[in-house]
Amino acid sequence: MTIVPLHADVRGGIRRPPNFGNLFFGDCVVAMYCNLLLTKNVTKASTWRKILYRLGFRPPTNAEAIDDYRTYLATLGEIPSPTQGIYPDGFFAWLKAQGKIKDWGTIDYTNQSLVQQAMIEHRGVGLTMALTPSAIGKDAVQMAVWDVNVGRGNQPNQAYQHAVALVEYNPTTYAIFTWGETNRLTRAFYTACVNGCYWFE
């Protein structure tokens, strides 16, 4: 049995990450990857007032994220659009082949202790999920906490798949980076909606 701390946070002072093109294109997997590059490279000297990255690291820009998205899509014979998503497995395999990452893998997303431990060890992990009606659209980024509600029919819709960066957890919620914001998920939302977990180095 994996025993993890009750709380862990790998944001290193980052409160509001760039959207990395995901407000305009279906590149949520690319945005998740770019968000995790930030948390992996922030230093221990970083604070909420001043974010410090390791020497030699330059945070990716929105334009660079979109370029990776466009270049990868071209290998599939596709072009960028608001509805053109990509699968993490193929994208991470492409990143490794390009020498952009050393390795990658998946974690049993149903075991939340393993996911939490991986978040700590890898300074963030990627989650894929089926969004609920209230977690879709412009209002979703303004919501304090994403939750499920059986009574209102607010359950995951498999047609709306999304990828986010998991960057913090506590006994009741998870914090994620997505759409240029920090959002929170309840444990019930995680259980009902999450369908994949990825790490890379």
Protein backbone atom coordinates (compact mmCIF):
# COMPACT_ATOMS: atom_id res chain seq x y z
CA MET A 1 0.00 0.00 0.00
CA THR A 2 1.35 3.41 -1.01
CA ILE A 3 1.37 5.94 1.83
CA VAL A 4 1.49 9.55 0.64
CA PRO A 5 1.32 12.88 2.50
CA LEU A 6 -2.15 14.32 3.07
CA HIS A 7 -1.15 17.35 1.01
CA ALA A 8 1.39 18.01 -1.74
CA ASP A 9 1.88 20.95 -4.10
CA VAL A 10 4.31 21.11 -7.05
CA ARG A 11 3.22 24.49 -8.44
CA GLY A 12 6.22 26.29 -7.02
CA GLY A 13 4.43 29.62 -6.99
CA ILE A 14 2.72 29.28 -10.37
CA ARG A 15 -0.86 30.44 -9.95
CA ARG A 16 -2.03 31.13 -13.47
CA PRO A 17 -0.25 29.30 -16.29
CA PRO A 18 -0.51 30.24 -19.97
CA ASN A 19 -3.36 28.62 -21.92
CA PHE A 20 -0.86 27.27 -24.49
CA GLY A 21 -3.38 27.64 -27.30
CA ASN A 22 -6.06 25.52 -25.64
CA LEU A 23 -8.60 28.35 -25.52
CA PHE A 24 -8.62 28.32 -29.32
CA PHE A 25 -7.55 24.83 -30.44
CA GLY A 26 -8.20 21.26 -29.36
CA ASP A 27 -4.63 20.92 -28.12
CA CYS A 28 -5.37 20.15 -24.47
CA VAL A 29 -2.80 17.32 -24.47
CA VAL A 30 -0.10 19.72 -25.70
CA ALA A 31 -1.18 22.31 -23.12
CA MET A 32 -1.01 19.68 -20.38
CA TYR A 33 2.52 18.77 -21.49
CA CYS A 34 3.62 22.43 -21.50
CA ASN A 35 2.09 23.07 -18.08
CA LEU A 36 4.01 20.12 -16.68
CA LEU A 37 7.24 21.46 -18.19
CA LEU A 38 6.72 24.52 -15.97
CA THR A 39 6.25 22.58 -12.73
CA LYS A 40 9.15 20.24 -13.51
CA ASN A 41 11.54 23.17 -13.95
CA VAL A 42 10.53 25.57 -11.20
CA THR A 43 13.15 25.85 -8.45
CA LYS A 44 12.79 25.54 -4.69
CA ALA A 45 13.64 29.23 -4.43
CA SER A 46 10.45 30.11 -6.30
CA THR A 47 7.67 31.88 -4.36
CA TRP A 48 4.14 33.11 -4.96
CA ARG A 49 5.63 36.56 -5.62
CA LYS A 50 8.49 35.53 -7.88
CA ILE A 51 8.65 32.38 -9.99
CA LEU A 52 12.18 31.10 -10.56
CA TYR A 53 13.05 28.38 -13.06
CA ARG A 54 16.20 26.28 -13.16
CA LEU A 55 19.15 27.76 -15.01
CA GLY A 56 18.87 27.27 -18.76
CA PHE A 57 15.13 26.56 -18.82
CA ARG A 58 12.96 28.81 -20.95
CA PRO A 59 9.20 28.36 -20.51
CA PRO A 60 7.43 27.40 -23.73
CA THR A 61 5.29 30.07 -25.37
CA ASN A 62 1.74 29.74 -26.68
CA ALA A 63 3.14 29.93 -30.23
CA GLU A 64 5.58 27.08 -29.56
CA ALA A 65 2.81 24.93 -28.08
CA ILE A 66 0.63 25.50 -31.13
CA ASP A 67 3.59 24.72 -33.39
CA ASP A 68 4.13 21.35 -31.65
CA TYR A 69 0.40 20.67 -32.01
CA ARG A 70 0.45 21.58 -35.71
CA THR A 71 3.61 19.59 -36.42
CA TYR A 72 2.33 16.48 -34.66
CA LEU A 73 -1.07 16.71 -36.37
CA ALA A 74 0.70 16.86 -39.74
CA THR A 75 2.14 13.39 -39.05
CA LEU A 76 -1.47 12.20 -38.79
CA GLY A 77 -2.64 14.05 -41.89
CA GLU A 78 -4.70 16.46 -39.76
CA ILE A 79 -4.72 20.24 -39.25
CA PRO A 80 -5.36 22.36 -36.12
CA SER A 81 -8.94 23.26 -35.24
CA PRO A 82 -11.03 23.87 -32.11
CA THR A 83 -12.36 20.30 -32.31
CA GLN A 84 -9.20 18.45 -33.40
CA GLY A 85 -7.85 16.70 -30.32
CA ILE A 86 -4.96 14.27 -30.01
CA TYR A 87 -4.28 11.20 -27.89
CA PRO A 88 -1.57 11.39 -25.18
CA ASP A 89 0.00 8.02 -26.13
CA GLY A 90 0.75 9.08 -29.67
CA PHE A 91 1.86 12.58 -28.71
CA PHE A 92 4.25 11.39 -25.97
CA ALA A 93 5.69 8.75 -28.29
CA TRP A 94 6.29 11.52 -30.86
CA LEU A 95 7.90 13.78 -28.21
CA LYS A 96 10.27 10.96 -27.25
CA ALA A 97 11.15 10.29 -30.88
CA GLN A 98 11.89 14.01 -31.31
CA GLY A 99 14.18 13.99 -28.25
CA LYS A 100 11.94 16.42 -26.39
CA ILE A 101 11.41 13.99 -23.48
CA LYS A 102 13.43 11.04 -22.19
CA ASP A 103 10.59 8.68 -21.39
CA TRP A 104 6.91 8.49 -20.53
CA GLY A 105 4.36 6.07 -19.16
CA THR A 106 0.95 5.57 -17.62
CA ILE A 107 -0.25 5.09 -14.06
CA ASP A 108 -3.29 3.21 -12.76
CA TYR A 109 -5.61 6.22 -12.49
CA THR A 110 -8.07 4.26 -10.33
CA ASN A 111 -5.46 4.12 -7.54
CA GLN A 112 -5.44 7.70 -6.29
CA SER A 113 -2.57 7.06 -3.87
CA LEU A 114 -0.37 5.95 -6.79
CA VAL A 115 -1.41 9.02 -8.77
CA GLN A 116 -0.59 11.30 -5.85
CA GLN A 117 2.81 9.65 -5.36
CA ALA A 118 3.55 9.99 -9.07
CA MET A 119 2.58 13.67 -8.94
CA ILE A 120 5.16 14.18 -6.20
CA GLU A 121 7.90 12.11 -7.85
CA HIS A 122 7.46 13.59 -11.33
CA ARG A 123 6.53 17.12 -10.20
CA GLY A 124 3.14 16.81 -11.82
CA VAL A 125 1.27 14.28 -13.94
CA GLY A 126 -1.26 14.51 -16.74
CA LEU A 127 -4.86 13.44 -16.32
CA THR A 128 -7.37 12.68 -19.04
CA MET A 129 -11.06 12.86 -18.25
CA ALA A 130 -14.59 13.03 -19.59
CA LEU A 131 -15.97 16.45 -18.66
CA THR A 132 -19.36 17.10 -17.11
CA PRO A 133 -21.77 19.66 -18.63
CA SER A 134 -20.79 22.28 -16.03
CA ALA A 135 -17.05 21.78 -16.68
CA ILE A 136 -17.38 22.70 -20.36
CA GLY A 137 -17.18 26.18 -21.84
CA LYS A 138 -16.22 29.63 -20.64
CA ASP A 139 -18.07 29.31 -17.31
CA ALA A 140 -16.02 26.25 -16.35
CA VAL A 141 -12.84 28.28 -15.81
CA GLN A 142 -14.70 30.51 -13.36
CA MET A 143 -16.03 27.65 -11.22
CA ALA A 144 -14.41 27.32 -7.81
CA VAL A 145 -14.60 23.52 -7.81
CA TRP A 146 -15.64 21.00 -10.45
CA ASP A 147 -18.02 18.45 -8.97
CA VAL A 148 -20.59 15.86 -9.99
CA ASN A 149 -24.25 15.97 -9.05
CA VAL A 150 -26.48 13.00 -9.77
CA GLY A 151 -29.65 14.95 -9.04
CA ARG A 152 -28.94 17.55 -11.72
CA GLY A 153 -27.59 14.98 -14.15
CA ASN A 154 -24.15 16.56 -13.95
CA GLN A 155 -22.25 13.43 -14.88
CA PRO A 156 -19.33 12.86 -17.27
CA ASN A 157 -20.09 13.07 -20.97
CA GLN A 158 -17.80 10.71 -22.90
CA ALA A 159 -18.04 12.96 -25.95
CA TYR A 160 -16.11 15.69 -24.12
CA GLN A 161 -12.62 14.36 -23.45
CA HIS A 162 -10.04 16.69 -21.93
CA ALA A 163 -6.45 16.60 -20.61
CA VAL A 164 -5.13 18.62 -17.66
CA ALA A 165 -2.01 18.89 -15.50
CA LEU A 166 -2.42 17.65 -11.92
CA VAL A 167 -0.31 19.93 -9.70
CA GLU A 168 -1.66 19.77 -6.13
CA TYR A 169 -3.89 17.71 -3.88
CA ASN A 170 -5.29 17.84 -0.36
CA PRO A 171 -7.68 15.55 1.57
CA THR A 172 -10.76 16.78 -0.33
CA THR A 173 -9.74 18.20 -3.73
CA TYR A 174 -7.20 18.19 -6.55
CA ALA A 175 -5.77 21.28 -8.27
CA ILE A 176 -5.22 21.27 -12.02
CA PHE A 177 -3.84 23.63 -14.66
CA THR A 178 -6.09 24.02 -17.69
CA TRP A 179 -7.27 26.77 -20.03
CA GLY A 180 -4.84 29.25 -18.48
CA GLU A 181 -6.29 28.82 -14.98
CA THR A 182 -5.95 26.80 -11.80
CA ASN A 183 -9.13 24.82 -11.19
CA ARG A 184 -10.09 22.31 -8.54
CA LEU A 185 -11.78 18.90 -8.69
CA THR A 186 -13.57 17.11 -5.89
CA ARG A 187 -12.58 13.53 -5.16
CA ALA A 188 -16.05 12.52 -6.46
CA PHE A 189 -15.36 14.30 -9.77
CA TYR A 190 -12.02 12.53 -10.05
CA THR A 191 -13.61 9.12 -9.46
CA ALA A 192 -16.46 9.72 -11.91
CA CYS A 193 -14.56 11.50 -14.70
CA VAL A 194 -10.84 10.68 -14.81
CA ASN A 195 -9.93 7.95 -17.30
CA GLY A 196 -6.14 8.16 -17.62
CA CYS A 197 -2.93 9.31 -15.95
CA TYR A 198 0.43 10.01 -17.63
CA TRP A 199 3.95 10.88 -16.54
CA PHE A 200 7.02 11.92 -18.51
CA GLU A 201 10.62 12.91 -17.89
